[in-house]
């Protein structure tokens, strides 16, 4: 794994630690807001610094981070309410990462 991948993992981990106490109840809107708070900043960073950042590493880091969070939930026996929510979770991950990249590219091109 390259340096960018580990940097993205660190960013996602810090965002997760910061936001986990704010989004404690379940539900669809809560999950979407939590994913926005975690994955949009990463997408913005990658889009803003697109000449220096690795797009593939960002997607890989985001997917592995999300998979590891589900693995940890499984290991500590936190029940998964709905598999539909898991699919929505990964779909929103891609959407928010892409939105962040788009906004980041737009912000960088205006400078």
N, C-alpha and C. Protein backbone atom coordinates (compact mmCIF):
# COMPACT_ATOMS: atom_id res chain seq x y z
N UNK A 1 0.84 -1.18 0.00
CA UNK A 1 0.00 0.00 0.00
C UNK A 1 0.89 1.24 0.00
N UNK A 2 0.44 2.25 -0.69
CA UNK A 2 1.25 3.46 -0.78
C UNK A 2 0.95 4.41 0.37
N UNK A 3 1.72 5.46 0.43
CA UNK A 3 1.60 6.43 1.52
C UNK A 3 0.23 7.11 1.52
N UNK A 4 -0.31 7.39 0.33
CA UNK A 4 -1.62 8.06 0.25
C UNK A 4 -2.71 7.22 0.90
N UNK A 5 -2.66 5.91 0.69
CA UNK A 5 -3.66 5.02 1.29
C UNK A 5 -3.66 5.14 2.81
N UNK A 6 -2.49 5.12 3.41
CA UNK A 6 -2.41 5.20 4.87
C UNK A 6 -2.79 6.58 5.38
N UNK A 7 -2.47 7.61 4.60
CA UNK A 7 -2.89 8.95 4.98
C UNK A 7 -4.42 9.07 4.96
N UNK A 8 -5.04 8.47 3.95
CA UNK A 8 -6.50 8.48 3.87
C UNK A 8 -7.11 7.69 5.03
N UNK A 9 -6.50 6.57 5.38
CA UNK A 9 -6.99 5.79 6.52
C UNK A 9 -6.91 6.62 7.80
N UNK A 10 -5.82 7.34 7.97
CA UNK A 10 -5.67 8.19 9.15
C UNK A 10 -6.73 9.28 9.17
N UNK A 11 -6.97 9.92 8.04
CA UNK A 11 -7.99 10.97 7.96
C UNK A 11 -9.36 10.39 8.28
N UNK A 12 -9.69 9.25 7.69
CA UNK A 12 -10.99 8.63 7.96
C UNK A 12 -11.12 8.22 9.42
N UNK A 13 -10.05 7.69 9.98
CA UNK A 13 -10.09 7.30 11.40
C UNK A 13 -10.29 8.49 12.31
N UNK A 14 -9.61 9.59 12.04
CA UNK A 14 -9.78 10.79 12.86
C UNK A 14 -11.18 11.37 12.72
N UNK A 15 -11.69 11.40 11.49
CA UNK A 15 -13.07 11.88 11.30
C UNK A 15 -14.06 10.96 12.00
N UNK A 16 -13.82 9.66 11.94
CA UNK A 16 -14.71 8.71 12.61
C UNK A 16 -14.71 8.95 14.12
N UNK A 17 -13.53 9.10 14.70
CA UNK A 17 -13.44 9.33 16.15
C UNK A 17 -14.13 10.63 16.53
N UNK A 18 -13.98 11.66 15.70
CA UNK A 18 -14.61 12.95 16.00
C UNK A 18 -16.12 12.88 15.91
N UNK A 19 -16.68 12.24 14.87
CA UNK A 19 -18.11 12.27 14.61
C UNK A 19 -18.90 11.13 15.26
N UNK A 20 -18.25 10.10 15.76
CA UNK A 20 -18.99 8.92 16.25
C UNK A 20 -19.91 9.26 17.43
N UNK A 21 -19.53 10.20 18.26
CA UNK A 21 -20.38 10.54 19.40
C UNK A 21 -21.59 11.40 19.00
N UNK A 22 -21.53 12.05 17.86
CA UNK A 22 -22.65 12.89 17.43
C UNK A 22 -23.75 12.08 16.76
N UNK A 23 -23.40 10.97 16.16
CA UNK A 23 -24.36 10.15 15.43
C UNK A 23 -24.48 8.80 16.12
N UNK A 24 -25.23 8.76 17.21
CA UNK A 24 -25.32 7.54 17.99
C UNK A 24 -26.61 6.76 17.75
N UNK A 25 -27.67 7.42 17.33
CA UNK A 25 -28.92 6.69 17.12
C UNK A 25 -28.96 6.15 15.70
N UNK A 26 -29.76 5.12 15.50
CA UNK A 26 -29.84 4.49 14.19
C UNK A 26 -30.80 5.23 13.27
N UNK A 27 -30.94 4.70 12.09
CA UNK A 27 -31.87 5.26 11.14
C UNK A 27 -31.19 5.67 9.84
N UNK A 28 -32.00 5.81 8.83
CA UNK A 28 -31.52 6.11 7.49
C UNK A 28 -30.86 7.48 7.41
N UNK A 29 -31.53 8.50 7.89
CA UNK A 29 -30.98 9.86 7.81
C UNK A 29 -29.73 10.01 8.64
N UNK A 30 -29.69 9.36 9.77
CA UNK A 30 -28.50 9.40 10.61
C UNK A 30 -27.31 8.75 9.90
N UNK A 31 -27.54 7.64 9.25
CA UNK A 31 -26.47 6.95 8.53
C UNK A 31 -25.96 7.80 7.36
N UNK A 32 -26.88 8.44 6.65
CA UNK A 32 -26.48 9.29 5.54
C UNK A 32 -25.68 10.51 6.03
N UNK A 33 -26.12 11.11 7.12
CA UNK A 33 -25.39 12.26 7.67
C UNK A 33 -24.01 11.85 8.16
N UNK A 34 -23.91 10.70 8.78
CA UNK A 34 -22.63 10.21 9.26
C UNK A 34 -21.68 9.93 8.08
N UNK A 35 -22.19 9.30 7.03
CA UNK A 35 -21.36 9.04 5.86
C UNK A 35 -20.92 10.34 5.20
N UNK A 36 -21.80 11.33 5.16
CA UNK A 36 -21.41 12.62 4.61
C UNK A 36 -20.27 13.23 5.43
N UNK A 37 -20.39 13.17 6.74
CA UNK A 37 -19.37 13.76 7.62
C UNK A 37 -18.04 13.02 7.52
N UNK A 38 -18.04 11.76 7.15
CA UNK A 38 -16.82 10.98 7.07
C UNK A 38 -16.20 11.04 5.67
N UNK A 39 -17.00 10.80 4.64
CA UNK A 39 -16.45 10.58 3.31
C UNK A 39 -16.41 11.83 2.43
N UNK A 40 -17.27 12.81 2.67
CA UNK A 40 -17.21 14.04 1.87
C UNK A 40 -15.88 14.77 2.05
N UNK A 41 -15.37 14.96 3.28
CA UNK A 41 -14.08 15.65 3.42
C UNK A 41 -12.93 14.95 2.68
N UNK A 42 -12.93 13.63 2.70
CA UNK A 42 -11.90 12.90 1.96
C UNK A 42 -12.03 13.16 0.46
N UNK A 43 -13.24 13.11 -0.05
CA UNK A 43 -13.47 13.39 -1.46
C UNK A 43 -13.06 14.80 -1.83
N UNK A 44 -13.36 15.75 -0.95
CA UNK A 44 -12.98 17.14 -1.21
C UNK A 44 -11.46 17.28 -1.28
N UNK A 45 -10.76 16.65 -0.35
CA UNK A 45 -9.30 16.69 -0.35
C UNK A 45 -8.72 16.11 -1.64
N UNK A 46 -9.24 14.97 -2.05
CA UNK A 46 -8.74 14.33 -3.26
C UNK A 46 -9.06 15.18 -4.49
N UNK A 47 -10.25 15.76 -4.56
CA UNK A 47 -10.60 16.60 -5.68
C UNK A 47 -9.82 17.90 -5.71
N UNK A 48 -9.60 18.47 -4.56
CA UNK A 48 -8.89 19.75 -4.47
C UNK A 48 -7.43 19.59 -4.84
N UNK A 49 -6.85 18.49 -4.45
CA UNK A 49 -5.43 18.24 -4.72
C UNK A 49 -5.28 17.13 -5.76
N UNK A 50 -6.07 17.16 -6.81
CA UNK A 50 -6.14 16.05 -7.76
C UNK A 50 -4.83 15.76 -8.46
N UNK A 51 -3.96 16.75 -8.60
CA UNK A 51 -2.67 16.50 -9.24
C UNK A 51 -1.75 15.67 -8.34
N UNK A 52 -1.98 15.76 -7.04
CA UNK A 52 -1.08 15.12 -6.08
C UNK A 52 -1.69 13.90 -5.41
N UNK A 53 -2.98 13.74 -5.50
CA UNK A 53 -3.66 12.66 -4.78
C UNK A 53 -3.96 11.49 -5.71
N UNK A 54 -4.08 10.32 -5.14
CA UNK A 54 -4.31 9.09 -5.88
C UNK A 54 -5.77 8.69 -5.73
N UNK A 55 -6.51 8.76 -6.81
CA UNK A 55 -7.94 8.47 -6.79
C UNK A 55 -8.23 7.02 -6.39
N UNK A 56 -7.47 6.09 -6.93
CA UNK A 56 -7.67 4.68 -6.61
C UNK A 56 -7.42 4.38 -5.14
N UNK A 57 -6.41 5.02 -4.58
CA UNK A 57 -6.12 4.82 -3.15
C UNK A 57 -7.23 5.37 -2.28
N UNK A 58 -7.84 6.47 -2.72
CA UNK A 58 -8.94 7.06 -1.95
C UNK A 58 -10.15 6.11 -1.92
N UNK A 59 -10.50 5.56 -3.07
CA UNK A 59 -11.62 4.61 -3.11
C UNK A 59 -11.31 3.35 -2.30
N UNK A 60 -10.11 2.82 -2.47
CA UNK A 60 -9.72 1.63 -1.73
C UNK A 60 -9.75 1.89 -0.22
N UNK A 61 -9.21 3.02 0.21
CA UNK A 61 -9.20 3.35 1.63
C UNK A 61 -10.62 3.49 2.17
N UNK A 62 -11.49 4.14 1.42
CA UNK A 62 -12.87 4.32 1.87
C UNK A 62 -13.61 2.99 1.97
N UNK A 63 -13.46 2.14 0.95
CA UNK A 63 -14.14 0.84 0.99
C UNK A 63 -13.60 -0.04 2.11
N UNK A 64 -12.30 -0.09 2.27
CA UNK A 64 -11.73 -0.91 3.35
C UNK A 64 -12.10 -0.36 4.72
N UNK A 65 -12.13 0.95 4.86
CA UNK A 65 -12.52 1.55 6.13
C UNK A 65 -13.96 1.16 6.46
N UNK A 66 -14.83 1.24 5.48
CA UNK A 66 -16.23 0.88 5.72
C UNK A 66 -16.37 -0.61 6.02
N UNK A 67 -15.64 -1.46 5.29
CA UNK A 67 -15.68 -2.89 5.57
C UNK A 67 -15.15 -3.20 6.97
N UNK A 68 -14.08 -2.54 7.36
CA UNK A 68 -13.52 -2.76 8.70
C UNK A 68 -14.47 -2.30 9.79
N UNK A 69 -15.22 -1.24 9.54
CA UNK A 69 -16.18 -0.80 10.55
C UNK A 69 -17.29 -1.83 10.72
N UNK A 70 -17.72 -2.45 9.63
CA UNK A 70 -18.72 -3.52 9.75
C UNK A 70 -18.13 -4.76 10.41
N UNK A 71 -16.88 -5.06 10.12
CA UNK A 71 -16.22 -6.19 10.76
C UNK A 71 -16.11 -5.97 12.27
N UNK A 72 -15.74 -4.77 12.66
CA UNK A 72 -15.65 -4.45 14.10
C UNK A 72 -17.01 -4.55 14.77
N UNK A 73 -18.05 -4.05 14.10
CA UNK A 73 -19.40 -4.15 14.65
C UNK A 73 -19.81 -5.61 14.82
N UNK A 74 -19.45 -6.44 13.86
CA UNK A 74 -19.76 -7.86 13.94
C UNK A 74 -19.01 -8.53 15.09
N UNK A 75 -17.74 -8.17 15.25
CA UNK A 75 -16.92 -8.79 16.29
C UNK A 75 -17.37 -8.42 17.70
N UNK A 76 -17.88 -7.22 17.88
CA UNK A 76 -18.36 -6.82 19.21
C UNK A 76 -19.86 -7.07 19.35
N UNK A 77 -20.40 -7.81 18.37
CA UNK A 77 -21.78 -8.28 18.38
C UNK A 77 -22.81 -7.16 18.39
N UNK A 78 -22.54 -6.10 17.64
CA UNK A 78 -23.54 -5.06 17.39
C UNK A 78 -24.40 -5.56 16.25
N UNK A 79 -25.71 -5.68 16.45
CA UNK A 79 -26.54 -6.25 15.39
C UNK A 79 -26.67 -5.30 14.20
N UNK A 80 -26.64 -5.86 13.01
CA UNK A 80 -26.89 -5.10 11.80
C UNK A 80 -28.39 -5.11 11.58
N UNK A 81 -29.00 -3.92 11.61
CA UNK A 81 -30.45 -3.82 11.56
C UNK A 81 -31.03 -4.31 10.24
N UNK A 82 -30.39 -3.93 9.14
CA UNK A 82 -30.93 -4.27 7.84
C UNK A 82 -29.79 -4.34 6.82
N UNK A 83 -29.82 -5.36 5.99
CA UNK A 83 -28.80 -5.47 4.95
C UNK A 83 -29.03 -4.43 3.88
N UNK A 84 -30.25 -3.93 3.78
CA UNK A 84 -30.53 -2.84 2.86
C UNK A 84 -29.76 -1.59 3.28
N UNK A 85 -29.63 -1.39 4.58
CA UNK A 85 -28.85 -0.25 5.09
C UNK A 85 -27.37 -0.40 4.75
N UNK A 86 -26.88 -1.62 4.73
CA UNK A 86 -25.47 -1.86 4.37
C UNK A 86 -25.25 -1.48 2.91
N UNK A 87 -26.15 -1.89 2.04
CA UNK A 87 -26.05 -1.54 0.62
C UNK A 87 -26.15 -0.02 0.46
N UNK A 88 -27.08 0.60 1.16
CA UNK A 88 -27.22 2.06 1.11
C UNK A 88 -25.97 2.75 1.65
N UNK A 89 -25.37 2.15 2.65
CA UNK A 89 -24.16 2.71 3.23
C UNK A 89 -23.03 2.77 2.20
N UNK A 90 -22.81 1.69 1.49
CA UNK A 90 -21.74 1.66 0.49
C UNK A 90 -22.09 2.54 -0.72
N UNK A 91 -23.37 2.60 -1.06
CA UNK A 91 -23.79 3.47 -2.17
C UNK A 91 -23.58 4.94 -1.81
N UNK A 92 -23.94 5.31 -0.59
CA UNK A 92 -23.74 6.69 -0.17
C UNK A 92 -22.26 7.02 -0.02
N UNK A 93 -21.45 6.04 0.33
CA UNK A 93 -20.00 6.24 0.39
C UNK A 93 -19.49 6.71 -0.96
N UNK A 94 -19.85 6.00 -2.01
CA UNK A 94 -19.41 6.35 -3.36
C UNK A 94 -19.97 7.72 -3.76
N UNK A 95 -21.25 7.95 -3.47
CA UNK A 95 -21.87 9.21 -3.84
C UNK A 95 -21.20 10.39 -3.15
N UNK A 96 -20.99 10.31 -1.84
CA UNK A 96 -20.40 11.43 -1.11
C UNK A 96 -18.93 11.63 -1.46
N UNK A 97 -18.23 10.55 -1.74
CA UNK A 97 -16.84 10.67 -2.17
C UNK A 97 -16.77 11.38 -3.53
N UNK A 98 -17.66 11.00 -4.45
CA UNK A 98 -17.70 11.65 -5.76
C UNK A 98 -18.14 13.10 -5.68
N UNK A 99 -19.13 13.39 -4.85
CA UNK A 99 -19.58 14.78 -4.67
C UNK A 99 -18.45 15.62 -4.10
N UNK A 100 -17.75 15.09 -3.11
CA UNK A 100 -16.62 15.81 -2.53
C UNK A 100 -15.53 16.07 -3.54
N UNK A 101 -15.24 15.08 -4.39
CA UNK A 101 -14.23 15.27 -5.43
C UNK A 101 -14.65 16.33 -6.43
N UNK A 102 -15.91 16.33 -6.80
CA UNK A 102 -16.42 17.31 -7.74
C UNK A 102 -16.32 18.73 -7.17
N UNK A 103 -16.78 18.90 -5.94
CA UNK A 103 -16.72 20.22 -5.29
C UNK A 103 -15.27 20.64 -5.09
N UNK A 104 -14.41 19.72 -4.72
CA UNK A 104 -13.00 20.02 -4.55
C UNK A 104 -12.34 20.47 -5.85
N UNK A 105 -12.66 19.79 -6.95
CA UNK A 105 -12.13 20.20 -8.26
C UNK A 105 -12.62 21.58 -8.64
N UNK A 106 -13.90 21.85 -8.39
CA UNK A 106 -14.46 23.17 -8.70
C UNK A 106 -13.80 24.25 -7.87
N UNK A 107 -13.60 23.98 -6.59
CA UNK A 107 -12.95 24.98 -5.71
C UNK A 107 -11.51 25.23 -6.12
N UNK A 108 -10.81 24.18 -6.52
CA UNK A 108 -9.41 24.33 -6.93
C UNK A 108 -9.30 25.07 -8.25
N UNK A 109 -10.22 24.85 -9.16
CA UNK A 109 -10.14 25.50 -10.46
C UNK A 109 -10.49 26.99 -10.38
N UNK A 110 -11.19 27.42 -9.35
CA UNK A 110 -11.54 28.83 -9.19
C UNK A 110 -10.37 29.65 -8.66
N UNK A 111 -9.36 28.98 -8.16
CA UNK A 111 -8.20 29.72 -7.62
C UNK A 111 -7.25 30.11 -8.70
